[in-house]
Structures are given as C-alpha cells and as structure tokens.
Amino acid sequence: MSLSVVFLHDLQETADFAYLLAKLALPGDVICLSGDLGAGKTALTQEIAKGLGVPDSCYVTSPTFSILQEYPGNIPLYHMDFYRLSDETEVEDLGFEEYFYLSGLTVIEWAERAGTLIPDSRLSLKMTILEDLTRKVEIDFGSGSWRERLREFCEGPVQK
C-alpha cells in the first residue's frame, strides 16, 4: 500500500484537487471515496464532474437511493454510492462491477462495501473532517499509475 496525505482547507482547494483528478483520469479508472457522512465525498465528486465537462444541466447528487448515476462528459462519469449495500455480494448481484472496466471514470462513495470486487489499480481517498473543517485526505494509490500521475501534486509544497 502506497500512501500520501493532503489537506484541503476550503472549497476552492477541494475544487482544485477534484479538477486535477478529472484532468488526470483515464477511461477505466476507479476512484474510491470513504469517510464519515458529511466528509465531502459528494462535494468532491461534484467538482470532479465539472472537471470532466459534465454539463451544468446534469446536477450531480449522491445516488444513495438509486446507487448509480451516469453523466456525460469528456469521458463518462459513473457515480456510485454503496451506502445502502451491505457487502460485495450485493454489488456483484446488481452487476455494478462491470462499470469498473468501462470507458469512463467510476467514482464510488462507500467503496469499502464492494470488498474484493474493486480493482487493485484504483485510487482510494479516505476523507476526514478536522476541527477547523479542513478535510484530511489519505491517498492510497493502489497498483495502477495514480502515484505517478499525482506525483507533482503530492510531492509539491508541504500540505498544511
């Protein structure tokens, strides 16, 4: 496991980070988001959608009840929320793992519920709210090329 930590102090820093993720995303990428309710998973996904060129007419919300929303963009965005699922068996029964290998970017909230179905090449972001409302983001680069793609960002000026 390869880890890095960044801190997002405000909405602009969150938007900038999300835009960078969107700019660097390749068809077939999977980004897994975890963290408590209110940690900023959906807000980050909304900003990723903007970075992918999802039209403003497509309002990105958490698909808590529908589990999956698809959005058009420079590459398609498959936004999933597994909060209401109990384990990977349900993810598999619903056929959602097929999206992990399509030609879009898959962003999954509560991805840990998919267990071993998540590709090893995924980028995992664990978001935590600090007392000053800064978001601490623990980055697990997985086995793919995310470490190299995010190298400049993660090794830039010290994140405070």
N, C-alpha and C. Protein backbone atom coordinates (compact mmCIF):
# COMPACT_ATOMS: atom_id res chain seq x y z
N MET A 1 0.85 -1.17 0.00
CA MET A 1 0.00 0.00 0.00
C MET A 1 0.89 1.24 0.00
N SER A 2 0.60 2.16 -0.90
CA SER A 2 1.38 3.38 -1.06
C SER A 2 0.51 4.55 -0.65
N LEU A 3 0.92 5.28 0.41
CA LEU A 3 0.06 6.32 0.96
C LEU A 3 0.69 7.71 0.90
N SER A 4 -0.18 8.70 0.85
CA SER A 4 0.19 10.10 0.96
C SER A 4 -0.98 10.79 1.66
N VAL A 5 -0.74 11.95 2.24
CA VAL A 5 -1.80 12.70 2.92
C VAL A 5 -1.77 14.14 2.41
N VAL A 6 -2.96 14.67 2.09
CA VAL A 6 -3.09 16.07 1.73
C VAL A 6 -4.20 16.68 2.58
N PHE A 7 -4.18 17.99 2.69
CA PHE A 7 -5.20 18.71 3.44
C PHE A 7 -5.87 19.72 2.53
N LEU A 8 -7.19 19.68 2.50
CA LEU A 8 -7.98 20.62 1.72
C LEU A 8 -8.64 21.58 2.69
N HIS A 9 -8.17 22.83 2.68
CA HIS A 9 -8.58 23.80 3.70
C HIS A 9 -9.91 24.49 3.43
N ASP A 10 -10.32 24.50 2.16
CA ASP A 10 -11.57 25.19 1.82
C ASP A 10 -12.14 24.61 0.54
N LEU A 11 -13.28 25.17 0.12
CA LEU A 11 -13.95 24.67 -1.07
C LEU A 11 -13.10 24.85 -2.33
N GLN A 12 -12.34 25.93 -2.40
CA GLN A 12 -11.51 26.15 -3.58
C GLN A 12 -10.42 25.10 -3.69
N GLU A 13 -9.78 24.75 -2.58
CA GLU A 13 -8.75 23.71 -2.61
C GLU A 13 -9.37 22.36 -2.97
N THR A 14 -10.58 22.11 -2.49
CA THR A 14 -11.28 20.87 -2.84
C THR A 14 -11.57 20.86 -4.34
N ALA A 15 -12.05 21.97 -4.86
CA ALA A 15 -12.35 22.08 -6.29
C ALA A 15 -11.07 21.90 -7.12
N ASP A 16 -9.98 22.50 -6.70
CA ASP A 16 -8.72 22.39 -7.43
C ASP A 16 -8.23 20.94 -7.45
N PHE A 17 -8.33 20.24 -6.31
CA PHE A 17 -7.91 18.84 -6.23
C PHE A 17 -8.81 17.98 -7.12
N ALA A 18 -10.10 18.22 -7.07
CA ALA A 18 -11.04 17.45 -7.89
C ALA A 18 -10.78 17.68 -9.37
N TYR A 19 -10.52 18.93 -9.74
CA TYR A 19 -10.24 19.24 -11.14
C TYR A 19 -8.98 18.51 -11.60
N LEU A 20 -7.98 18.46 -10.75
CA LEU A 20 -6.75 17.74 -11.08
C LEU A 20 -7.05 16.26 -11.30
N LEU A 21 -7.86 15.67 -10.41
CA LEU A 21 -8.23 14.25 -10.57
C LEU A 21 -8.94 14.04 -11.91
N ALA A 22 -9.85 14.94 -12.25
CA ALA A 22 -10.58 14.82 -13.51
C ALA A 22 -9.64 14.96 -14.71
N LYS A 23 -8.72 15.89 -14.62
CA LYS A 23 -7.77 16.12 -15.71
C LYS A 23 -6.88 14.91 -15.93
N LEU A 24 -6.51 14.23 -14.85
CA LEU A 24 -5.60 13.09 -14.93
C LEU A 24 -6.31 11.76 -15.15
N ALA A 25 -7.63 11.74 -15.00
CA ALA A 25 -8.39 10.49 -15.11
C ALA A 25 -8.32 9.92 -16.52
N LEU A 26 -8.22 8.61 -16.57
CA LEU A 26 -8.20 7.88 -17.83
C LEU A 26 -9.43 6.98 -17.91
N PRO A 27 -9.90 6.70 -19.12
CA PRO A 27 -11.03 5.76 -19.24
C PRO A 27 -10.70 4.45 -18.52
N GLY A 28 -11.64 3.98 -17.73
CA GLY A 28 -11.45 2.75 -16.97
C GLY A 28 -10.94 2.96 -15.56
N ASP A 29 -10.62 4.20 -15.18
CA ASP A 29 -10.15 4.47 -13.82
C ASP A 29 -11.29 4.33 -12.81
N VAL A 30 -10.91 3.97 -11.59
CA VAL A 30 -11.85 3.87 -10.47
C VAL A 30 -11.28 4.68 -9.32
N ILE A 31 -12.10 5.60 -8.78
CA ILE A 31 -11.73 6.37 -7.60
C ILE A 31 -12.70 5.98 -6.49
N CYS A 32 -12.14 5.50 -5.38
CA CYS A 32 -12.93 5.07 -4.23
C CYS A 32 -12.88 6.13 -3.14
N LEU A 33 -14.05 6.52 -2.65
CA LEU A 33 -14.14 7.54 -1.61
C LEU A 33 -14.69 6.92 -0.34
N SER A 34 -14.03 7.19 0.77
CA SER A 34 -14.55 6.74 2.06
C SER A 34 -14.43 7.88 3.06
N GLY A 35 -15.18 7.75 4.14
CA GLY A 35 -15.20 8.78 5.17
C GLY A 35 -16.59 8.87 5.76
N ASP A 36 -16.67 9.52 6.90
CA ASP A 36 -17.95 9.67 7.58
C ASP A 36 -18.94 10.46 6.74
N LEU A 37 -20.21 10.37 7.11
CA LEU A 37 -21.23 11.22 6.48
C LEU A 37 -20.80 12.67 6.63
N GLY A 38 -20.91 13.44 5.57
CA GLY A 38 -20.54 14.86 5.63
C GLY A 38 -19.06 15.14 5.43
N ALA A 39 -18.27 14.12 5.13
CA ALA A 39 -16.83 14.32 4.97
C ALA A 39 -16.47 15.03 3.67
N GLY A 40 -17.40 15.07 2.72
CA GLY A 40 -17.14 15.78 1.48
C GLY A 40 -17.03 14.89 0.25
N LYS A 41 -17.46 13.64 0.35
CA LYS A 41 -17.36 12.71 -0.77
C LYS A 41 -18.17 13.18 -1.98
N THR A 42 -19.41 13.56 -1.74
CA THR A 42 -20.26 14.01 -2.84
C THR A 42 -19.77 15.35 -3.39
N ALA A 43 -19.35 16.25 -2.52
CA ALA A 43 -18.84 17.55 -2.97
C ALA A 43 -17.62 17.35 -3.87
N LEU A 44 -16.74 16.45 -3.50
CA LEU A 44 -15.57 16.16 -4.32
C LEU A 44 -16.00 15.59 -5.67
N THR A 45 -16.98 14.70 -5.66
CA THR A 45 -17.47 14.10 -6.90
C THR A 45 -18.11 15.17 -7.79
N GLN A 46 -18.84 16.09 -7.21
CA GLN A 46 -19.44 17.18 -7.99
C GLN A 46 -18.38 17.99 -8.71
N GLU A 47 -17.28 18.24 -8.03
CA GLU A 47 -16.19 19.01 -8.64
C GLU A 47 -15.44 18.19 -9.68
N ILE A 48 -15.30 16.89 -9.45
CA ILE A 48 -14.70 16.01 -10.48
C ILE A 48 -15.57 16.08 -11.73
N ALA A 49 -16.89 16.03 -11.55
CA ALA A 49 -17.82 16.10 -12.69
C ALA A 49 -17.59 17.38 -13.49
N LYS A 50 -17.45 18.50 -12.81
CA LYS A 50 -17.17 19.76 -13.51
C LYS A 50 -15.88 19.66 -14.31
N GLY A 51 -14.86 19.07 -13.69
CA GLY A 51 -13.58 18.92 -14.37
C GLY A 51 -13.65 18.00 -15.57
N LEU A 52 -14.59 17.06 -15.56
CA LEU A 52 -14.78 16.16 -16.70
C LEU A 52 -15.65 16.78 -17.79
N GLY A 53 -16.17 17.97 -17.53
CA GLY A 53 -17.01 18.62 -18.51
C GLY A 53 -18.45 18.15 -18.50
N VAL A 54 -18.89 17.59 -17.37
CA VAL A 54 -20.30 17.21 -17.26
C VAL A 54 -21.12 18.50 -17.36
N PRO A 55 -22.13 18.55 -18.24
CA PRO A 55 -22.91 19.78 -18.41
C PRO A 55 -23.56 20.26 -17.12
N ASP A 56 -23.67 21.58 -16.97
CA ASP A 56 -24.30 22.16 -15.79
C ASP A 56 -25.74 21.69 -15.64
N SER A 57 -26.37 21.31 -16.74
CA SER A 57 -27.76 20.84 -16.68
C SER A 57 -27.88 19.47 -16.00
N CYS A 58 -26.76 18.79 -15.80
CA CYS A 58 -26.75 17.50 -15.09
C CYS A 58 -26.30 17.74 -13.66
N TYR A 59 -27.27 17.89 -12.76
CA TYR A 59 -26.91 18.16 -11.36
C TYR A 59 -26.45 16.85 -10.71
N VAL A 60 -25.24 16.85 -10.22
CA VAL A 60 -24.64 15.66 -9.62
C VAL A 60 -25.02 15.61 -8.15
N THR A 61 -25.74 14.56 -7.78
CA THR A 61 -26.12 14.35 -6.39
C THR A 61 -25.65 12.97 -5.96
N SER A 62 -25.68 12.72 -4.69
CA SER A 62 -25.31 11.40 -4.20
C SER A 62 -26.40 10.40 -4.58
N PRO A 63 -26.03 9.34 -5.28
CA PRO A 63 -27.03 8.36 -5.70
C PRO A 63 -27.32 7.34 -4.59
N THR A 64 -27.59 7.83 -3.39
CA THR A 64 -27.80 6.95 -2.25
C THR A 64 -28.93 5.96 -2.48
N PHE A 65 -30.01 6.41 -3.08
CA PHE A 65 -31.15 5.51 -3.28
C PHE A 65 -31.10 4.79 -4.62
N SER A 66 -30.62 5.45 -5.66
CA SER A 66 -30.53 4.81 -6.97
C SER A 66 -29.25 3.99 -7.12
N ILE A 67 -28.28 4.23 -6.29
CA ILE A 67 -26.98 3.57 -6.22
C ILE A 67 -26.04 3.99 -7.36
N LEU A 68 -26.56 4.24 -8.55
CA LEU A 68 -25.73 4.59 -9.69
C LEU A 68 -26.36 5.72 -10.49
N GLN A 69 -25.53 6.69 -10.86
CA GLN A 69 -25.92 7.74 -11.79
C GLN A 69 -24.83 7.83 -12.85
N GLU A 70 -25.23 7.96 -14.10
CA GLU A 70 -24.28 8.13 -15.20
C GLU A 70 -24.40 9.56 -15.73
N TYR A 71 -23.25 10.18 -16.03
CA TYR A 71 -23.22 11.54 -16.54
C TYR A 71 -22.31 11.60 -17.76
N PRO A 72 -22.73 12.36 -18.78
CA PRO A 72 -21.86 12.53 -19.95
C PRO A 72 -20.79 13.57 -19.66
N GLY A 73 -19.65 13.40 -20.25
CA GLY A 73 -18.56 14.37 -20.10
C GLY A 73 -17.48 14.06 -21.11
N ASN A 74 -16.30 14.62 -20.92
CA ASN A 74 -15.17 14.30 -21.80
C ASN A 74 -14.96 12.79 -21.82
N ILE A 75 -15.09 12.17 -20.68
CA ILE A 75 -15.27 10.73 -20.56
C ILE A 75 -16.49 10.57 -19.64
N PRO A 76 -17.25 9.50 -19.79
CA PRO A 76 -18.43 9.33 -18.94
C PRO A 76 -18.04 9.24 -17.46
N LEU A 77 -18.91 9.72 -16.61
CA LEU A 77 -18.74 9.60 -15.16
C LEU A 77 -19.80 8.64 -14.66
N TYR A 78 -19.36 7.59 -13.99
CA TYR A 78 -20.25 6.64 -13.34
C TYR A 78 -20.11 6.88 -11.84
N HIS A 79 -21.13 7.49 -11.25
CA HIS A 79 -21.09 7.85 -9.82
C HIS A 79 -21.93 6.84 -9.05
N MET A 80 -21.29 6.13 -8.14
CA MET A 80 -21.95 5.10 -7.35
C MET A 80 -21.89 5.44 -5.87
N ASP A 81 -22.90 5.01 -5.16
CA ASP A 81 -22.94 5.18 -3.71
C ASP A 81 -23.42 3.87 -3.11
N PHE A 82 -22.52 3.18 -2.43
CA PHE A 82 -22.82 1.85 -1.89
C PHE A 82 -23.25 1.90 -0.42
N TYR A 83 -23.62 3.07 0.07
CA TYR A 83 -24.01 3.23 1.48
C TYR A 83 -25.11 2.25 1.88
N ARG A 84 -26.09 2.04 1.03
CA ARG A 84 -27.23 1.19 1.36
C ARG A 84 -26.99 -0.30 1.06
N LEU A 85 -25.80 -0.64 0.56
CA LEU A 85 -25.47 -2.02 0.30
C LEU A 85 -24.69 -2.57 1.48
N SER A 86 -24.85 -3.86 1.74
CA SER A 86 -24.19 -4.42 2.92
C SER A 86 -22.82 -5.02 2.63
N ASP A 87 -22.64 -5.57 1.43
CA ASP A 87 -21.36 -6.20 1.15
C ASP A 87 -21.17 -6.41 -0.35
N GLU A 88 -20.03 -7.02 -0.70
CA GLU A 88 -19.70 -7.19 -2.11
C GLU A 88 -20.66 -8.12 -2.85
N THR A 89 -21.33 -9.01 -2.13
CA THR A 89 -22.30 -9.90 -2.77
C THR A 89 -23.41 -9.08 -3.43
N GLU A 90 -23.89 -8.05 -2.73
CA GLU A 90 -24.94 -7.21 -3.31
C GLU A 90 -24.42 -6.42 -4.51
N VAL A 91 -23.21 -5.93 -4.43
CA VAL A 91 -22.61 -5.20 -5.55
C VAL A 91 -22.52 -6.13 -6.76
N GLU A 92 -22.08 -7.34 -6.52
CA GLU A 92 -21.95 -8.33 -7.60
C GLU A 92 -23.32 -8.72 -8.16
N ASP A 93 -24.29 -8.97 -7.29
CA ASP A 93 -25.63 -9.35 -7.73
C ASP A 93 -26.26 -8.27 -8.62
N LEU A 94 -25.96 -7.01 -8.32
CA LEU A 94 -26.51 -5.90 -9.09
C LEU A 94 -25.71 -5.61 -10.37
N GLY A 95 -24.56 -6.27 -10.53
CA GLY A 95 -23.76 -6.13 -11.74
C GLY A 95 -22.95 -4.85 -11.83
N PHE A 96 -22.76 -4.17 -10.71
CA PHE A 96 -22.07 -2.88 -10.76
C PHE A 96 -20.58 -2.99 -11.06
N GLU A 97 -19.98 -4.13 -10.77
CA GLU A 97 -18.54 -4.25 -11.01
C GLU A 97 -18.20 -4.15 -12.49
N GLU A 98 -19.17 -4.38 -13.37
CA GLU A 98 -18.93 -4.23 -14.80
C GLU A 98 -18.51 -2.79 -15.13
N TYR A 99 -19.04 -1.82 -14.41
CA TYR A 99 -18.70 -0.42 -14.66
C TYR A 99 -17.24 -0.12 -14.37
N PHE A 100 -16.60 -0.92 -13.53
CA PHE A 100 -15.21 -0.67 -13.17
C PHE A 100 -14.28 -0.83 -14.37
N TYR A 101 -14.78 -1.44 -15.43
CA TYR A 101 -13.94 -1.76 -16.57
C TYR A 101 -14.45 -1.13 -17.87
N LEU A 102 -15.35 -0.18 -17.77
CA LEU A 102 -15.87 0.50 -18.95
C LEU A 102 -14.98 1.68 -19.32
N SER A 103 -15.41 2.47 -20.28
CA SER A 103 -14.59 3.54 -20.83
C SER A 103 -14.80 4.88 -20.15
N GLY A 104 -15.28 4.87 -18.92
CA GLY A 104 -15.48 6.11 -18.19
C GLY A 104 -14.68 6.11 -16.90
N LEU A 105 -14.94 7.12 -16.07
CA LEU A 105 -14.37 7.21 -14.73
C LEU A 105 -15.45 6.79 -13.75
N THR A 106 -15.15 5.81 -12.93
CA THR A 106 -16.08 5.36 -11.90
C THR A 106 -15.64 5.96 -10.57
N VAL A 107 -16.55 6.70 -9.93
CA VAL A 107 -16.30 7.27 -8.60
C VAL A 107 -17.30 6.60 -7.66
N ILE A 108 -16.77 5.97 -6.61
CA ILE A 108 -17.62 5.19 -5.71
C ILE A 108 -17.53 5.73 -4.29
N GLU A 109 -18.67 6.15 -3.75
CA GLU A 109 -18.76 6.50 -2.34
C GLU A 109 -19.06 5.22 -1.57
N TRP A 110 -18.46 5.09 -0.39
CA TRP A 110 -18.61 3.90 0.44
C TRP A 110 -18.12 2.65 -0.30
N ALA A 111 -17.02 2.80 -1.01
CA ALA A 111 -16.48 1.73 -1.86
C ALA A 111 -16.06 0.49 -1.08
N GLU A 112 -15.76 0.66 0.21
CA GLU A 112 -15.33 -0.49 1.00
C GLU A 112 -16.38 -1.60 1.03
N ARG A 113 -17.63 -1.26 0.74
CA ARG A 113 -18.71 -2.26 0.72
C ARG A 113 -18.59 -3.20 -0.48
N ALA A 114 -17.76 -2.84 -1.45
CA ALA A 114 -17.57 -3.69 -2.63
C ALA A 114 -16.43 -4.68 -2.43
N GLY A 115 -15.71 -4.57 -1.34
CA GLY A 115 -14.66 -5.54 -0.99
C GLY A 115 -13.68 -5.82 -2.11
N THR A 116 -13.51 -7.11 -2.39
CA THR A 116 -12.51 -7.55 -3.36
C THR A 116 -12.90 -7.30 -4.81
N LEU A 117 -14.09 -6.81 -5.05
CA LEU A 117 -14.51 -6.52 -6.43
C LEU A 117 -13.82 -5.27 -6.99
N ILE A 118 -13.34 -4.42 -6.11
CA ILE A 118 -12.68 -3.19 -6.54
C ILE A 118 -11.33 -3.54 -7.15
N PRO A 119 -11.03 -3.00 -8.33
CA PRO A 119 -9.73 -3.29 -8.96
C PRO A 119 -8.56 -2.78 -8.10
N ASP A 120 -7.46 -3.51 -8.12
CA ASP A 120 -6.27 -3.11 -7.37
C ASP A 120 -5.69 -1.80 -7.89
N SER A 121 -5.99 -1.45 -9.13
CA SER A 121 -5.42 -0.24 -9.73
C SER A 121 -6.18 1.03 -9.34
N ARG A 122 -7.15 0.92 -8.47
CA ARG A 122 -7.99 2.06 -8.06
C ARG A 122 -7.19 3.09 -7.27
N LEU A 123 -7.75 4.29 -7.20
CA LEU A 123 -7.24 5.34 -6.32
C LEU A 123 -8.22 5.43 -5.16
N SER A 124 -7.75 5.29 -3.93
CA SER A 124 -8.63 5.38 -2.76
C SER A 124 -8.34 6.66 -1.99
N LEU A 125 -9.40 7.38 -1.65
CA LEU A 125 -9.30 8.62 -0.90
C LEU A 125 -10.15 8.50 0.36
N LYS A 126 -9.51 8.53 1.52
CA LYS A 126 -10.23 8.49 2.79
C LYS A 126 -10.28 9.92 3.33
N MET A 127 -11.50 10.44 3.46
CA MET A 127 -11.68 11.85 3.85
C MET A 127 -12.12 11.94 5.31
N THR A 128 -11.47 12.83 6.05
CA THR A 128 -11.79 13.07 7.45
C THR A 128 -11.93 14.57 7.68
N ILE A 129 -12.96 14.98 8.43
CA ILE A 129 -13.14 16.40 8.76
C ILE A 129 -12.37 16.69 10.05
N LEU A 130 -11.51 17.71 10.00
CA LEU A 130 -10.79 18.13 11.19
C LEU A 130 -11.58 19.22 11.89
N GLU A 131 -11.15 19.59 13.09
CA GLU A 131 -11.89 20.56 13.91
C GLU A 131 -12.10 21.90 13.21
N ASP A 132 -11.13 22.33 12.38
CA ASP A 132 -11.27 23.62 11.69
C ASP A 132 -11.98 23.48 10.34
N LEU A 133 -12.61 22.33 10.11
CA LEU A 133 -13.36 21.99 8.90
C LEU A 133 -12.46 21.70 7.68
N THR A 134 -11.15 21.66 7.90
CA THR A 134 -10.24 21.19 6.87
C THR A 134 -10.52 19.72 6.62
N ARG A 135 -10.40 19.30 5.36
CA ARG A 135 -10.54 17.89 5.02
C ARG A 135 -9.14 17.27 4.92
N LYS A 136 -8.91 16.26 5.73
CA LYS A 136 -7.69 15.47 5.62
C LYS A 136 -8.01 14.34 4.65
N VAL A 137 -7.17 14.20 3.62
CA VAL A 137 -7.40 13.16 2.62
C VAL A 137 -6.20 12.22 2.60
N GLU A 138 -6.44 10.99 3.00
CA GLU A 138 -5.41 9.95 2.95
C GLU A 138 -5.55 9.26 1.60
N ILE A 139 -4.46 9.27 0.84
CA ILE A 139 -4.47 8.76 -0.52
C ILE A 139 -3.75 7.41 -0.57
N ASP A 140 -4.45 6.40 -1.06
CA ASP A 140 -3.86 5.09 -1.34
C ASP A 140 -3.87 4.97 -2.86
N PHE A 141 -2.69 4.93 -3.46
CA PHE A 141 -2.56 4.98 -4.91
C PHE A 141 -2.89 3.66 -5.61
N GLY A 142 -3.04 2.58 -4.86
CA GLY A 142 -3.31 1.29 -5.49
C GLY A 142 -2.13 0.84 -6.33
N SER A 143 -2.38 -0.12 -7.20
CA SER A 143 -1.29 -0.70 -8.00
C SER A 143 -1.19 -0.10 -9.40
N GLY A 144 -2.02 0.87 -9.71
CA GLY A 144 -2.02 1.46 -11.05
C GLY A 144 -1.04 2.61 -11.16
N SER A 145 -1.33 3.53 -12.05
CA SER A 145 -0.42 4.63 -12.35
C SER A 145 -0.76 5.93 -11.62
N TRP A 146 -1.68 5.88 -10.65
CA TRP A 146 -2.09 7.11 -9.95
C TRP A 146 -0.93 7.79 -9.21
N ARG A 147 -0.03 7.00 -8.62
CA ARG A 147 1.09 7.61 -7.90
C ARG A 147 1.89 8.50 -8.84
N GLU A 148 2.19 8.00 -10.01
CA GLU A 148 2.96 8.78 -10.98
C GLU A 148 2.16 9.99 -11.46
N ARG A 149 0.88 9.80 -11.72
CA ARG A 149 0.06 10.91 -12.21
C ARG A 149 -0.08 12.02 -11.18
N LEU A 150 -0.11 11.66 -9.89
CA LEU A 150 -0.28 12.65 -8.82
C LEU A 150 1.03 13.04 -8.14
N ARG A 151 2.14 12.57 -8.67
CA ARG A 151 3.44 12.80 -8.03
C ARG A 151 3.70 14.28 -7.76
N GLU A 152 3.54 15.12 -8.77
CA GLU A 152 3.84 16.55 -8.60
C GLU A 152 2.95 17.18 -7.52
N PHE A 153 1.67 16.82 -7.50
CA PHE A 153 0.76 17.37 -6.50
C PHE A 153 1.14 16.91 -5.09
N CYS A 154 1.38 15.61 -4.94
CA CYS A 154 1.66 15.07 -3.60
C CYS A 154 3.05 15.41 -3.09
N GLU A 155 3.98 15.66 -3.99
CA GLU A 155 5.34 15.96 -3.55
C GLU A 155 5.67 17.44 -3.66
N GLY A 156 4.64 18.25 -3.95
CA GLY A 156 4.82 19.70 -4.04
C GLY A 156 5.05 20.29 -2.67
N PRO A 157 4.72 21.56 -2.49
CA PRO A 157 4.90 22.20 -1.19
C PRO A 157 4.20 21.41 -0.08
N VAL A 158 4.77 21.43 1.08
CA VAL A 158 4.21 20.71 2.23
C VAL A 158 2.76 21.09 2.42
N GLN A 159 1.89 20.10 2.51
CA GLN A 159 0.46 20.33 2.73
C GLN A 159 0.24 20.57 4.22
N LYS A 160 -0.35 21.71 4.56
CA LYS A 160 -0.59 22.02 5.97
C LYS A 160 -2.08 22.07 6.24
